Protein backbone atom coordinates (compact mmCIF):
# COMPACT_ATOMS: atom_id res chain seq x y z
CA UNK A 1 0.00 0.00 0.01
CA UNK A 2 2.77 2.41 0.90
CA UNK A 3 4.45 1.72 -2.52
CA UNK A 4 1.20 2.71 -4.26
CA UNK A 5 1.11 5.98 -2.34
CA UNK A 6 4.77 6.70 -3.33
CA UNK A 7 4.09 6.08 -7.01
CA UNK A 8 0.87 8.09 -7.03
CA UNK A 9 2.53 10.93 -5.12
CA UNK A 10 5.56 10.98 -7.43
CA UNK A 11 3.35 11.03 -10.53
CA UNK A 12 1.27 13.89 -9.16
CA UNK A 13 4.34 15.83 -8.04
CA UNK A 14 6.29 15.51 -11.32
CA UNK A 15 3.23 15.83 -13.47
CA UNK A 16 2.11 18.95 -11.59
CA UNK A 17 5.45 20.66 -12.23
CA UNK A 18 5.43 19.71 -15.91
CA UNK A 19 1.92 21.07 -16.29
CA UNK A 20 2.74 24.26 -14.47
CA UNK A 21 5.91 25.00 -16.42
CA UNK A 22 4.10 24.29 -19.71
CA UNK A 23 1.11 26.47 -18.86
CA UNK A 24 3.12 29.38 -17.47
CA UNK A 25 5.52 29.32 -20.36
CA UNK A 26 2.60 29.55 -22.74
CA UNK A 27 1.09 32.47 -20.77
CA UNK A 28 4.40 34.34 -20.56
CA UNK A 29 5.01 34.07 -24.30
CA UNK A 30 1.48 35.35 -25.08
CA UNK A 31 2.19 39.04 -25.61
CA UNK A 32 -1.49 39.72 -26.19
CA UNK A 33 -2.21 38.76 -22.53
CA UNK A 34 -2.38 42.15 -20.88
CA UNK A 35 -4.45 41.36 -17.77
CA UNK A 36 -5.56 38.31 -15.81
CA UNK A 37 -9.23 37.45 -15.72
CA UNK A 38 -10.98 34.87 -13.56
CA UNK A 39 -9.81 32.03 -15.82
CA UNK A 40 -6.12 32.92 -15.45
CA UNK A 41 -6.28 33.40 -11.67
CA UNK A 42 -8.12 30.14 -11.18
CA UNK A 43 -5.53 28.37 -13.37
CA UNK A 44 -2.63 29.83 -11.27
CA UNK A 45 -4.09 28.75 -7.97
CA UNK A 46 -5.31 25.31 -9.16
CA UNK A 47 -2.17 24.09 -10.93
CA UNK A 48 -0.29 23.92 -7.63
CA UNK A 49 -2.79 21.40 -6.23
CA UNK A 50 -1.26 18.27 -7.86
CA UNK A 51 2.14 19.28 -6.51
CA UNK A 52 0.80 19.71 -3.02
CA UNK A 53 -1.18 16.44 -3.16
CA UNK A 54 1.93 14.64 -4.44
CA UNK A 55 3.94 15.79 -1.43
CA UNK A 56 1.10 14.81 0.91
CA UNK A 57 0.83 11.28 -0.56
CA UNK A 58 4.58 10.69 -0.50
CA UNK A 59 4.71 11.80 3.15
CA UNK A 60 1.70 9.57 3.97
CA UNK A 61 3.56 6.58 2.41
CA UNK A 62 6.59 7.23 4.63
CA UNK A 63 4.46 6.98 7.77
CA UNK A 64 2.61 3.97 6.36
CA UNK A 65 5.89 2.14 5.73
CA UNK A 66 7.38 2.87 9.18
CA UNK A 67 4.97 1.51 11.76
CA UNK A 68 7.80 1.66 14.32
CA UNK A 69 7.37 5.47 14.37
CA UNK A 70 5.14 5.41 17.44
CA UNK A 71 6.23 8.10 19.87
CA UNK A 72 4.09 11.22 19.21
CA UNK A 73 3.11 9.65 15.86
CA UNK A 74 -0.26 11.39 15.43
CA UNK A 75 1.01 14.89 16.13
CA UNK A 76 4.14 14.51 14.04
CA UNK A 77 2.13 12.94 11.18
CA UNK A 78 -0.35 15.86 11.21
CA UNK A 79 2.51 18.42 11.10
CA UNK A 80 4.31 16.58 8.28
CA UNK A 81 1.22 16.16 6.10
CA UNK A 82 -0.13 19.67 6.59
CA UNK A 83 3.29 21.26 6.24
CA UNK A 84 4.11 19.26 3.10
CA UNK A 85 0.78 20.06 1.41
CA UNK A 86 0.80 23.79 2.02
CA UNK A 87 4.52 24.07 1.42
CA UNK A 88 4.07 22.56 -2.07
CA UNK A 89 1.14 24.90 -2.73
CA UNK A 90 3.04 27.96 -1.61
CA UNK A 91 6.10 27.07 -3.70
CA UNK A 92 3.87 26.72 -6.76
CA UNK A 93 2.41 30.23 -6.19
CA UNK A 94 5.87 31.68 -5.67
CA UNK A 95 7.13 30.21 -8.97
CA UNK A 96 4.06 31.60 -10.76
CA UNK A 97 4.67 35.06 -9.27
CA UNK A 98 8.37 34.82 -10.25
CA UNK A 99 7.53 33.87 -13.83
CA UNK A 100 5.08 36.68 -14.43
CA UNK A 101 7.02 39.33 -12.46
CA UNK A 102 10.37 38.73 -14.18
CA UNK A 103 9.43 37.48 -17.64
CA UNK A 104 6.16 38.93 -18.84
CA UNK A 105 6.60 42.62 -19.60
CA UNK A 106 3.31 42.86 -21.59
CA UNK A 107 1.12 42.88 -18.46
CA UNK A 108 -0.56 46.15 -17.47
CA UNK A 109 0.52 47.90 -14.25
CA UNK A 110 -2.49 46.66 -12.22
CA UNK A 111 -1.81 43.01 -13.05
CA UNK A 112 1.95 43.48 -12.44
CA UNK A 113 1.18 44.72 -8.91
CA UNK A 114 -1.03 41.69 -8.35
CA UNK A 115 1.83 39.43 -9.53
CA UNK A 116 4.09 41.22 -7.01
CA UNK A 117 1.78 39.99 -4.25
CA UNK A 118 1.91 36.54 -5.80
CA UNK A 119 5.71 36.69 -5.71
CA UNK A 120 6.27 38.06 -2.20
CA UNK A 121 3.12 36.86 -0.44
CA UNK A 122 4.01 33.12 -0.32
CA UNK A 123 7.49 33.69 1.21
CA UNK A 124 6.37 33.69 4.83
CA UNK A 125 3.96 30.71 4.36
CA UNK A 126 6.81 28.78 2.66
CA UNK A 127 9.05 29.32 5.68
CA UNK A 128 6.37 28.49 8.20
CA UNK A 129 5.05 25.33 6.46
CA UNK A 130 8.57 24.12 5.66
CA UNK A 131 9.48 24.36 9.33
CA UNK A 132 6.21 22.64 10.25
CA UNK A 133 6.94 19.80 7.80
CA UNK A 134 10.50 19.30 9.08
CA UNK A 135 9.38 19.41 12.71
CA UNK A 136 6.98 16.57 11.88
CA UNK A 137 9.71 14.28 10.46
CA UNK A 138 12.64 15.47 12.66
CA UNK A 139 12.32 12.77 15.35
CA UNK A 140 12.54 10.00 12.72
CA UNK A 141 15.58 11.28 10.74
CA UNK A 142 19.03 9.85 11.15
CA UNK A 143 21.70 12.25 12.38
CA UNK A 144 24.05 13.57 11.12
CA UNK A 145 21.92 14.25 8.09
CA UNK A 146 23.14 13.14 4.67
CA UNK A 147 25.64 15.65 3.37
CA UNK A 148 26.08 14.26 -0.18
CA UNK A 149 26.36 11.23 -2.50
CA UNK A 150 29.47 9.35 -3.45
CA UNK A 151 30.61 6.91 -6.10
CA UNK A 152 32.95 4.28 -4.63
CA UNK A 153 33.84 0.79 -5.85
CA UNK A 154 31.25 1.04 -8.61
CA UNK A 155 28.35 1.80 -6.29
CA UNK A 156 26.36 4.90 -5.46
CA UNK A 157 25.80 5.66 -1.75
CA UNK A 158 25.33 8.59 0.62
CA UNK A 159 27.82 10.00 3.09
CA UNK A 160 27.52 12.01 6.30
CA UNK A 161 29.79 14.16 8.41
CA UNK A 162 32.78 12.05 9.50
CA UNK A 163 32.42 9.53 6.64
CA UNK A 164 34.86 8.89 3.83
CA UNK A 165 33.77 10.74 0.68
CA UNK A 166 35.42 8.36 -1.80
CA UNK A 167 37.21 9.34 -5.05
CA UNK A 168 34.20 11.15 -6.56
CA UNK A 169 31.38 12.72 -4.65
CA UNK A 170 28.75 15.42 -4.88
CA UNK A 171 28.31 17.40 -1.63
CA UNK A 172 25.16 19.32 -0.83
CA UNK A 173 27.46 22.18 0.06
CA UNK A 174 28.38 22.69 -3.59
CA UNK A 175 24.75 22.54 -4.74
CA UNK A 176 23.74 24.99 -2.00
CA UNK A 177 26.47 27.44 -3.15
CA UNK A 178 25.13 27.16 -6.71
CA UNK A 179 21.61 27.90 -5.42
CA UNK A 180 22.92 31.08 -3.77
CA UNK A 181 24.55 32.18 -6.98
CA UNK A 182 21.32 31.50 -8.83
CA UNK A 183 19.35 33.74 -6.47
CA UNK A 184 21.90 36.55 -6.91
CA UNK A 185 21.81 36.20 -10.69
CA UNK A 186 17.97 36.29 -10.82
CA UNK A 187 17.80 39.49 -8.72
CA UNK A 188 20.60 41.26 -10.59
CA UNK A 189 19.43 40.17 -14.04
CA UNK A 190 15.94 41.60 -13.32
CA UNK A 191 17.34 44.92 -12.21
CA UNK A 192 19.51 45.14 -15.32
CA UNK A 193 16.42 44.26 -17.36
CA UNK A 194 14.39 47.04 -15.78
CA UNK A 195 17.10 49.55 -16.65
CA UNK A 196 18.23 48.32 -20.13
CA UNK A 197 15.17 46.45 -21.31
CA UNK A 198 16.79 43.10 -21.96
CA UNK A 199 17.86 39.98 -20.09
CA UNK A 200 21.26 38.31 -20.28
CA UNK A 201 23.49 41.33 -19.83
CA UNK A 202 25.28 39.72 -16.85
CA UNK A 203 25.26 36.13 -18.10
CA UNK A 204 28.98 36.11 -18.94
CA UNK A 205 29.70 38.11 -15.80
CA UNK A 206 28.19 35.31 -13.64
CA UNK A 207 30.12 32.63 -15.60
CA UNK A 208 33.40 34.45 -14.99
CA UNK A 209 33.02 35.95 -11.52
CA UNK A 210 31.70 32.80 -9.86
CA UNK A 211 34.65 30.53 -10.75
CA UNK A 212 37.02 33.38 -9.90
CA UNK A 213 35.36 33.66 -6.51
CA UNK A 214 35.84 29.94 -5.91
CA UNK A 215 39.50 30.22 -6.81
CA UNK A 216 39.89 33.29 -4.56
CA UNK A 217 38.15 31.50 -1.68
CA UNK A 218 40.56 28.59 -2.04
CA UNK A 219 43.65 30.79 -2.25
CA UNK A 220 42.58 32.73 0.86
CA UNK A 221 42.05 29.42 2.72
CA UNK A 222 45.43 28.00 1.65
CA UNK A 223 47.30 31.17 2.65
CA UNK A 224 45.55 31.39 6.01
CA UNK A 225 46.11 27.75 6.84
CA UNK A 226 49.42 27.21 5.12
CA UNK A 227 51.50 26.34 8.20
CA UNK A 228 48.63 24.38 9.69
CA UNK A 229 47.53 22.22 6.78
CA UNK A 230 49.81 22.55 3.75
CA UNK A 231 53.43 23.24 4.80
CA UNK A 232 55.56 20.13 4.52
CA UNK A 233 52.86 18.21 2.64
CA UNK A 234 52.44 17.44 -1.11
CA UNK A 235 51.72 20.66 -2.98
CA UNK A 236 48.90 18.86 -4.83
CA UNK A 237 46.87 19.21 -1.60
CA UNK A 238 46.46 22.88 -2.46
CA UNK A 239 44.21 21.91 -5.36
CA UNK A 240 42.11 19.32 -3.52
CA UNK A 241 39.17 21.71 -3.21
CA UNK A 242 36.76 18.74 -3.10
CA UNK A 243 38.13 17.93 0.38
CA UNK A 244 36.79 21.23 1.67
CA UNK A 245 38.41 24.54 2.47
CA UNK A 246 36.93 27.82 1.15
CA UNK A 247 37.04 31.26 2.71
CA UNK A 248 34.03 33.45 1.94
CA UNK A 249 35.95 36.67 2.62
CA UNK A 250 38.54 35.85 -0.09
CA UNK A 251 35.96 34.46 -2.54
CA UNK A 252 33.74 37.54 -2.41
CA UNK A 253 36.73 39.91 -2.80
CA UNK A 254 38.21 38.15 -5.80
CA UNK A 255 34.77 37.63 -7.38
CA UNK A 256 34.04 41.35 -7.08
CA UNK A 257 37.41 42.38 -8.53
CA UNK A 258 37.06 40.06 -11.53
CA UNK A 259 33.43 41.03 -12.05
CA UNK A 260 34.27 44.74 -12.00
CA UNK A 261 37.15 44.16 -14.47
CA UNK A 262 34.85 42.26 -16.83
CA UNK A 263 32.22 45.01 -16.77
CA UNK A 264 34.80 47.68 -17.44
CA UNK A 265 36.14 45.80 -20.47
CA UNK A 266 33.02 44.19 -21.95
CA UNK A 267 30.09 46.28 -20.71
CA UNK A 268 31.40 49.82 -21.09
CA UNK A 269 27.93 51.25 -21.58
CA UNK A 270 27.03 50.25 -17.98
CA UNK A 271 27.89 52.66 -15.15
CA UNK A 272 30.23 50.54 -13.06
CA UNK A 273 29.27 52.21 -9.81
CA UNK A 274 25.62 51.56 -10.45
CA UNK A 275 26.34 47.97 -11.37
CA UNK A 276 28.27 47.44 -8.16
CA UNK A 277 25.41 48.89 -6.12
CA UNK A 278 23.08 46.34 -7.75
CA UNK A 279 25.29 43.25 -7.65
CA UNK A 280 27.57 43.52 -4.59
CA UNK A 281 24.92 43.65 -1.84
CA UNK A 282 23.20 40.54 -3.27
CA UNK A 283 26.36 38.62 -2.28
CA UNK A 284 24.94 38.73 1.25
CA UNK A 285 22.00 36.57 0.09
CA UNK A 286 24.39 34.08 -1.56
CA UNK A 287 26.40 33.92 1.64
CA UNK A 288 23.23 33.47 3.69
CA UNK A 289 22.24 30.49 1.53
CA UNK A 290 25.76 29.06 1.34
CA UNK A 291 26.06 28.89 5.14
CA UNK A 292 23.54 26.04 5.11
CA UNK A 293 26.27 23.97 3.51
CA UNK A 294 28.12 24.22 6.83
CA UNK A 295 24.97 22.88 8.49
CA UNK A 296 25.00 19.67 6.45
CA UNK A 297 28.77 19.27 6.84
CA UNK A 298 28.59 19.81 10.61
CA UNK A 299 31.33 22.44 10.49
CA UNK A 300 32.23 26.03 11.40
CA UNK A 301 30.03 25.89 14.50
CA UNK A 302 30.52 27.54 17.87
CA UNK A 303 31.35 26.24 21.36
CA UNK A 304 29.38 23.57 23.13
CA UNK A 305 26.38 24.84 25.15
CA UNK A 306 23.46 23.28 26.98
CA UNK A 307 20.26 23.22 24.93
CA UNK A 308 18.34 24.25 28.06
CA UNK A 309 20.41 27.48 28.37
CA UNK A 310 18.26 29.56 26.04
CA UNK A 311 18.39 27.40 22.91
CA UNK A 312 15.04 25.58 23.19
CA UNK A 313 13.64 27.79 20.39
CA UNK A 314 15.75 25.88 17.84
CA UNK A 315 13.79 23.49 15.58
CA UNK A 316 14.35 19.87 16.56
CA UNK A 317 16.18 18.96 13.32
CA UNK A 318 18.68 21.81 13.81
CA UNK A 319 19.25 20.98 17.47
CA UNK A 320 19.75 17.30 16.64
CA UNK A 321 22.27 18.15 13.86
CA UNK A 322 24.16 20.55 16.07
CA UNK A 323 24.55 17.75 18.59
CA UNK A 324 26.95 16.13 16.12
CA UNK A 325 30.61 17.11 15.78
CA UNK A 326 32.48 17.33 12.47
CA UNK A 327 33.99 13.93 13.08
CA UNK A 328 30.48 12.38 13.26
CA UNK A 329 30.66 11.84 17.01
CA UNK A 330 27.66 12.89 19.11
CA UNK A 331 27.81 15.21 22.15
CA UNK A 332 26.16 14.14 25.42
CA UNK A 333 22.40 14.41 25.37
CA UNK A 334 21.17 17.97 25.95
CA UNK A 335 24.28 19.60 24.50
CA UNK A 336 24.74 21.29 21.12
CA UNK A 337 27.26 23.37 19.23
CA UNK A 338 26.19 27.01 18.82
CA UNK A 339 24.67 27.14 15.27
CA UNK A 340 26.80 29.94 13.91
CA UNK A 341 25.63 29.07 10.35
CA UNK A 342 22.05 29.97 11.26
CA UNK A 343 23.02 33.20 13.07
CA UNK A 344 25.13 34.45 10.21
CA UNK A 345 22.53 33.39 7.63
CA UNK A 346 19.81 35.44 9.33
CA UNK A 347 22.17 38.40 9.84
CA UNK A 348 23.15 38.38 6.16
CA UNK A 349 19.53 38.34 5.00
CA UNK A 350 18.79 41.26 7.34
CA UNK A 351 21.93 43.02 6.02
CA UNK A 352 20.72 42.82 2.43
CA UNK A 353 17.41 44.48 3.24
CA UNK A 354 19.09 47.09 5.46
CA UNK A 355 21.56 48.07 2.72
CA UNK A 356 19.22 47.95 -0.29
CA UNK A 357 16.04 49.32 1.30
CA UNK A 358 16.73 51.09 4.60
CA UNK A 359 19.93 52.78 3.36
CA UNK A 360 19.37 52.64 -0.45
CA UNK A 361 15.94 54.19 -0.30
CA UNK A 362 15.85 55.91 3.09
CA UNK A 363 19.12 57.82 2.50
CA UNK A 364 18.80 58.17 -1.23
CA UNK A 365 19.47 61.89 -1.30
CA UNK A 366 22.66 61.61 0.74
CA UNK A 367 24.15 58.67 -1.17
CA UNK A 368 26.67 58.61 -4.03
CA UNK A 369 26.42 55.93 -6.69
CA UNK A 370 28.62 53.10 -5.34
CA UNK A 371 27.94 53.70 -1.63
CA UNK A 372 25.83 50.50 -1.35
CA UNK A 373 28.75 48.41 -2.53
CA UNK A 374 30.90 49.98 0.16
CA UNK A 375 28.20 49.28 2.74
CA UNK A 376 28.48 45.59 1.87
CA UNK A 377 32.16 45.48 2.82
CA UNK A 378 31.48 47.47 5.97
CA UNK A 379 28.49 45.37 7.06
CA UNK A 380 30.00 41.97 6.37
CA UNK A 381 33.31 42.93 7.91
CA UNK A 382 31.58 43.93 11.16
CA UNK A 383 29.49 40.77 11.09
CA UNK A 384 32.53 38.52 10.72
CA UNK A 385 34.68 40.30 13.25
CA UNK A 386 31.92 39.83 15.85
CA UNK A 387 31.32 36.22 15.04
CA UNK A 388 34.90 34.96 14.50
CA UNK A 389 35.74 34.74 18.26
CA UNK A 390 32.65 32.52 18.70
CA UNK A 391 34.01 29.75 16.46
CA UNK A 392 35.06 26.39 17.73
CA UNK A 393 38.86 26.36 17.75
CA UNK A 394 39.01 23.45 15.27
CA UNK A 395 37.78 25.80 12.56
CA UNK A 396 40.23 28.66 13.19
CA UNK A 397 42.28 30.04 10.35
CA UNK A 398 45.89 29.74 11.44
CA UNK A 399 46.85 29.06 15.04
CA UNK A 400 44.69 31.74 16.70
CA UNK A 401 42.12 32.68 13.96
CA UNK A 402 43.96 35.97 13.41
CA UNK A 403 43.77 35.44 9.61
CA UNK A 404 39.96 35.62 9.60
CA UNK A 405 39.86 38.56 11.98
CA UNK A 406 42.45 40.51 9.98
CA UNK A 407 40.46 39.84 6.81
CA UNK A 408 37.32 41.07 8.59
CA UNK A 409 39.15 44.25 9.52
CA UNK A 410 40.27 44.63 5.88
CA UNK A 411 36.62 44.48 4.81
CA UNK A 412 35.71 47.14 7.33
CA UNK A 413 38.53 49.36 6.16
CA UNK A 414 37.65 48.70 2.50
CA UNK A 415 34.10 49.75 3.17
CA UNK A 416 35.15 52.94 4.94
CA UNK A 417 37.71 53.88 2.34
CA UNK A 418 35.35 53.01 -0.50
CA UNK A 419 32.60 55.25 0.79
CA UNK A 420 35.09 58.04 1.72
CA UNK A 421 36.63 57.84 -1.75
CA UNK A 422 33.28 58.22 -3.48
CA UNK A 423 32.38 61.31 -1.43
CA UNK A 424 35.90 62.80 -1.72
CA UNK A 425 35.84 62.08 -5.46
CA UNK A 426 33.28 64.82 -6.09
CA UNK A 427 35.27 67.29 -4.03
CA UNK A 428 38.55 66.40 -5.71
CA UNK A 429 37.19 67.59 -9.01
CA UNK A 430 37.64 71.13 -7.82
CA UNK A 431 40.84 72.81 -8.99
CA UNK A 432 44.00 71.53 -7.22
CA UNK A 433 41.95 69.62 -4.64
CA UNK A 434 43.49 66.24 -5.60
CA UNK A 435 46.94 67.57 -4.98
CA UNK A 436 46.33 67.91 -1.24
CA UNK A 437 43.46 65.52 -0.54
CA UNK A 438 45.45 62.38 -1.54
CA UNK A 439 48.60 63.27 0.40
CA UNK A 440 46.56 64.29 3.45
CA UNK A 441 44.40 61.12 3.52
CA UNK A 442 47.21 58.69 2.66
CA UNK A 443 49.89 60.17 4.88
CA UNK A 444 47.59 60.63 7.89
CA UNK A 445 46.35 57.05 7.59
CA UNK A 446 49.89 55.60 7.49
CA UNK A 447 50.97 57.65 10.53
CA UNK A 448 47.81 56.90 12.53
CA UNK A 449 48.17 53.16 11.91
CA UNK A 450 51.17 53.12 14.25
CA UNK A 451 48.66 52.78 17.08
CA UNK A 452 47.82 49.25 15.83
CA UNK A 453 51.27 48.09 17.00
CA UNK A 454 49.86 48.10 20.55
CA UNK A 455 47.69 45.14 19.44
CA UNK A 456 48.97 41.53 19.14
CA UNK A 457 51.11 41.44 16.02
CA UNK A 458 52.46 37.89 15.84
CA UNK A 459 50.99 34.71 17.37
CA UNK A 460 52.70 31.41 18.11
CA UNK A 461 51.17 27.99 18.07
CA UNK A 462 51.99 24.30 18.14
CA UNK A 463 50.37 22.32 15.30
CA UNK A 464 49.65 18.74 16.39
CA UNK A 465 47.25 17.97 13.51
CA UNK A 466 45.29 20.13 11.04
CA UNK A 467 42.34 20.01 13.42
CA UNK A 468 44.34 20.24 16.69
CA UNK A 469 46.27 23.45 17.06
CA UNK A 470 47.52 24.62 20.43
CA UNK A 471 47.76 28.38 20.75
CA UNK A 472 50.93 29.27 22.75
CA UNK A 473 50.75 33.07 22.93
CA UNK A 474 50.93 36.33 21.08
CA UNK A 475 53.36 39.24 20.96
CA UNK A 476 52.56 42.98 20.80
CA UNK A 477 54.08 44.98 17.96
CA UNK A 478 56.01 47.52 20.09
CA UNK A 479 57.07 44.65 22.37
CA UNK A 480 58.84 43.04 19.37
CA UNK A 481 60.19 46.26 17.87
CA UNK A 482 61.79 47.63 20.99
CA UNK A 483 62.65 44.25 22.53
CA UNK A 484 65.22 43.58 19.84
CA UNK A 485 63.32 40.56 18.51
CA UNK A 486 62.14 42.16 15.22
CA UNK A 487 64.92 44.39 13.90
CA UNK A 488 63.59 44.23 10.30
CA UNK A 489 60.15 45.41 11.47
CA UNK A 490 61.73 48.25 13.46
CA UNK A 491 63.50 49.42 10.30
CA UNK A 492 60.24 49.04 8.33
CA UNK A 493 58.37 51.06 10.96
CA UNK A 494 60.88 53.93 10.67
CA UNK A 495 60.84 53.80 6.85
CA UNK A 496 57.04 53.81 6.86
CA UNK A 497 56.87 56.83 9.12
CA UNK A 498 59.39 58.71 6.98
CA UNK A 499 57.50 57.84 3.79
CA UNK A 500 54.16 58.79 5.32
CA UNK A 501 55.57 62.03 6.60
CA UNK A 502 56.98 62.89 3.17
CA UNK A 503 53.66 62.12 1.53
CA UNK A 504 51.73 64.17 4.10
CA UNK A 505 54.04 67.20 3.91
CA UNK A 506 53.99 67.16 0.11
CA UNK A 507 50.37 68.25 0.19
CA UNK A 508 51.39 71.62 1.56
CA UNK A 509 54.43 72.27 -0.67
CA UNK A 510 54.86 73.76 -4.13
CA UNK A 511 56.53 72.36 -7.20
CA UNK A 512 59.19 71.10 -7.74
CA UNK A 513 59.72 70.11 -4.08
CA UNK A 514 56.24 68.47 -4.02
CA UNK A 515 57.27 66.21 -6.90
CA UNK A 516 60.44 65.00 -5.21
CA UNK A 517 58.74 64.42 -1.89
CA UNK A 518 56.17 62.20 -3.60
CA UNK A 519 58.91 60.28 -5.40
CA UNK A 520 60.92 59.77 -2.21
CA UNK A 521 57.90 58.45 -0.35
CA UNK A 522 57.43 55.58 -2.83
CA UNK A 523 60.43 53.32 -1.99
CA UNK A 524 60.11 54.07 1.73
CA UNK A 525 56.46 53.03 1.89
CA UNK A 526 57.03 50.05 -0.44
CA UNK A 527 59.78 48.66 1.79
CA UNK A 528 57.57 49.03 4.89
CA UNK A 529 54.67 47.25 3.18
CA UNK A 530 56.79 44.26 2.12
CA UNK A 531 58.28 43.69 5.56
CA UNK A 532 55.11 44.16 7.60
CA UNK A 533 52.95 41.98 5.30
CA UNK A 534 55.53 39.30 4.41
CA UNK A 535 57.96 39.12 7.33
CA UNK A 536 56.27 37.02 9.99
CA UNK A 537 59.40 34.80 10.05
CA UNK A 538 61.91 37.69 10.08
CA UNK A 539 62.25 37.69 13.85
CA UNK A 540 64.56 36.19 16.46
CA UNK A 541 61.67 34.58 18.35
CA UNK A 542 62.27 30.98 19.58
CA UNK A 543 61.62 28.32 16.93
CA UNK A 544 60.79 25.51 19.34
CA UNK A 545 59.18 24.94 22.73
CA UNK A 546 60.51 21.82 24.30
CA UNK A 547 60.32 19.15 21.59
CA UNK A 548 57.58 20.93 19.65
CA UNK A 549 58.16 23.23 16.69
CA UNK A 550 56.52 26.65 16.93
CA UNK A 551 54.57 28.07 14.03
CA UNK A 552 54.18 31.86 13.82
CA UNK A 553 51.40 33.66 12.02
CA UNK A 554 50.76 37.37 11.43
CA UNK A 555 48.16 38.80 13.76
CA UNK A 556 46.35 42.13 13.84
CA UNK A 557 49.02 44.71 14.56
CA UNK A 558 51.54 44.03 11.79
CA UNK A 559 48.81 43.20 9.27
CA UNK A 560 46.90 46.46 9.78
CA UNK A 561 50.05 48.57 9.76
CA UNK A 562 51.03 46.94 6.48
CA UNK A 563 47.57 47.48 4.99
CA UNK A 564 47.33 51.15 5.99
CA UNK A 565 50.85 51.69 4.66
CA UNK A 566 49.82 49.97 1.39
CA UNK A 567 46.92 52.43 1.18
CA UNK A 568 49.37 55.34 1.56
CA UNK A 569 51.60 53.74 -1.09
CA UNK A 570 48.71 53.62 -3.55
CA UNK A 571 47.94 57.31 -2.90
CA UNK A 572 51.62 58.09 -3.55
CA UNK A 573 51.64 56.13 -6.79
CA UNK A 574 48.59 58.06 -8.01
CA UNK A 575 50.43 61.34 -7.38
CA UNK A 576 53.72 60.23 -8.96
CA UNK A 577 51.96 59.00 -12.10
CA UNK A 578 50.98 62.64 -12.80
CA UNK A 579 54.63 63.51 -13.36
CA UNK A 580 55.21 60.88 -16.06
CA UNK A 581 55.52 62.70 -19.37
CA UNK A 582 52.72 61.88 -21.73
CA UNK A 583 53.37 61.41 -25.41
CA UNK A 584 51.83 64.25 -27.37
CA UNK A 585 48.89 63.19 -29.45
CA UNK A 586 49.60 63.22 -33.14
CA UNK A 587 47.60 65.90 -34.85
CA UNK A 588 45.49 64.47 -37.62
CA UNK A 589 46.06 66.27 -40.85
CA UNK A 590 42.92 67.78 -42.13
CA UNK A 591 42.42 67.04 -45.78
CA UNK A 592 41.44 70.00 -47.87
CA UNK A 593 38.14 69.41 -49.56
CA UNK A 594 38.53 68.63 -53.23
CA UNK A 595 37.38 71.48 -55.40
CA UNK A 596 35.32 70.22 -58.30
CA UNK A 597 35.50 72.72 -61.16
CA UNK A 598 32.27 73.95 -62.50
CA UNK A 599 31.63 72.54 -65.90
CA UNK A 600 30.41 75.93 -66.99
CA UNK A 601 33.88 77.53 -66.51
């Protein structure tokens, strides 16, 4: 009997989707369809019924086949059946709203507004009924949940956290990331369509920026965990991305840089600042969706807490999954890992709406084009710097997680500098403003960054295994500089101050002294940047502790000094470039118009 329910449910479910796609495709292509009458509205609401019934029958068959599901069976069955039915119906309505909102431009304004309700109205019911459905089946699921499928020894099987993944596997994490990219693409493509009147403008952008982001995420991960997971091991491990290891901060940054470059080269008719305002904030939605990959992999969670200590609000299926460690081992009953994936996912969704609607519309008159992209860096940097200390130590980047925190600080600084640049850009158009704005901002930033040397600048750790790192301690920047243990950094600090001072003073001088001060600042700042960002091993700190080898990683102080000095170096380069002689443009010879003699002469 249960098999019959499964077959009937599957036929209804698949057939319902086929019918809906066929019907909506026909309606979308009908350019003579300007408004929806009773017939069209009835069709939209009815065609989701087979899908909903299919989900209900398949869920019924599951309970019919498992008579051992006895504890709380009636209540859980009611939640699963009702949740599955109305979830399927709500999804059908959402897809209909999406199709008519994004693809049918022939509809009149009144019908378009009705389709907007059809698009956004089902979102809350989808969430509510999906949670109800999962709460109904949660007690009967096996934890950890399946995190992917694998092909091993000629057979197809599933794997969970802690299992071997075989030679070839498909992880839900990858599919979830693709889903996040799809959501971003749909939103951005629609906004480009509204402005330029055609779809597909960003198709190639997505195909280029997404792989670039994956590569950037891997590079950031490898660099941050080099001493912990890659040093002294086969270099081929660097490319084993299928074994896990991506850093969102690096992926987003590289994806944005490559995307902007593509737009500047291939879509010159698009205002790049406007395009960034449209595309960059949507990355928060992709990150919110992508974090659910961590949920299935049982990774990047927080410390162990008691479920009774304020976490009873979690759905049963999340609490049960968070009871499992990344190794697949279960915690004692009543304990869970803090679900950082869920917290960051909700924060990112809220961040998107804050940036796009609260800031984008509420402060529209005060904004410059491009400010929303800067807000993304600022918002996500603040989010990560707050959440990084909450991580379980097994998921730290480096020996003390300083790599992730430094990258979060970089995002915050990028956001601030980006927004400041856009607002100073307008002012710098005034006569001679650029000649003192850039030296003042760059020089002052490089001098002020000296204060960061009071913070921990290098950290030491003992690496037992890639998932077992013992943090030994950290060293303050000034402690190293004036303790005689970092002579190279002391020299770099002096050179950086001299270069920053030369850059700052040049803003108040006249030519030709201004020119030479800018030129002198270049090598001084460049030397300081190289040593502060690349010299974590250029110290006389002890290499071992007892029989254990110490591994040193750059922490906040040196990293931030190096980054601020790099910013000053870029300002200096902009100023020096002005002095490079430009080749005079060849004057085009104007051809004299040929005089045609008058035949009457």
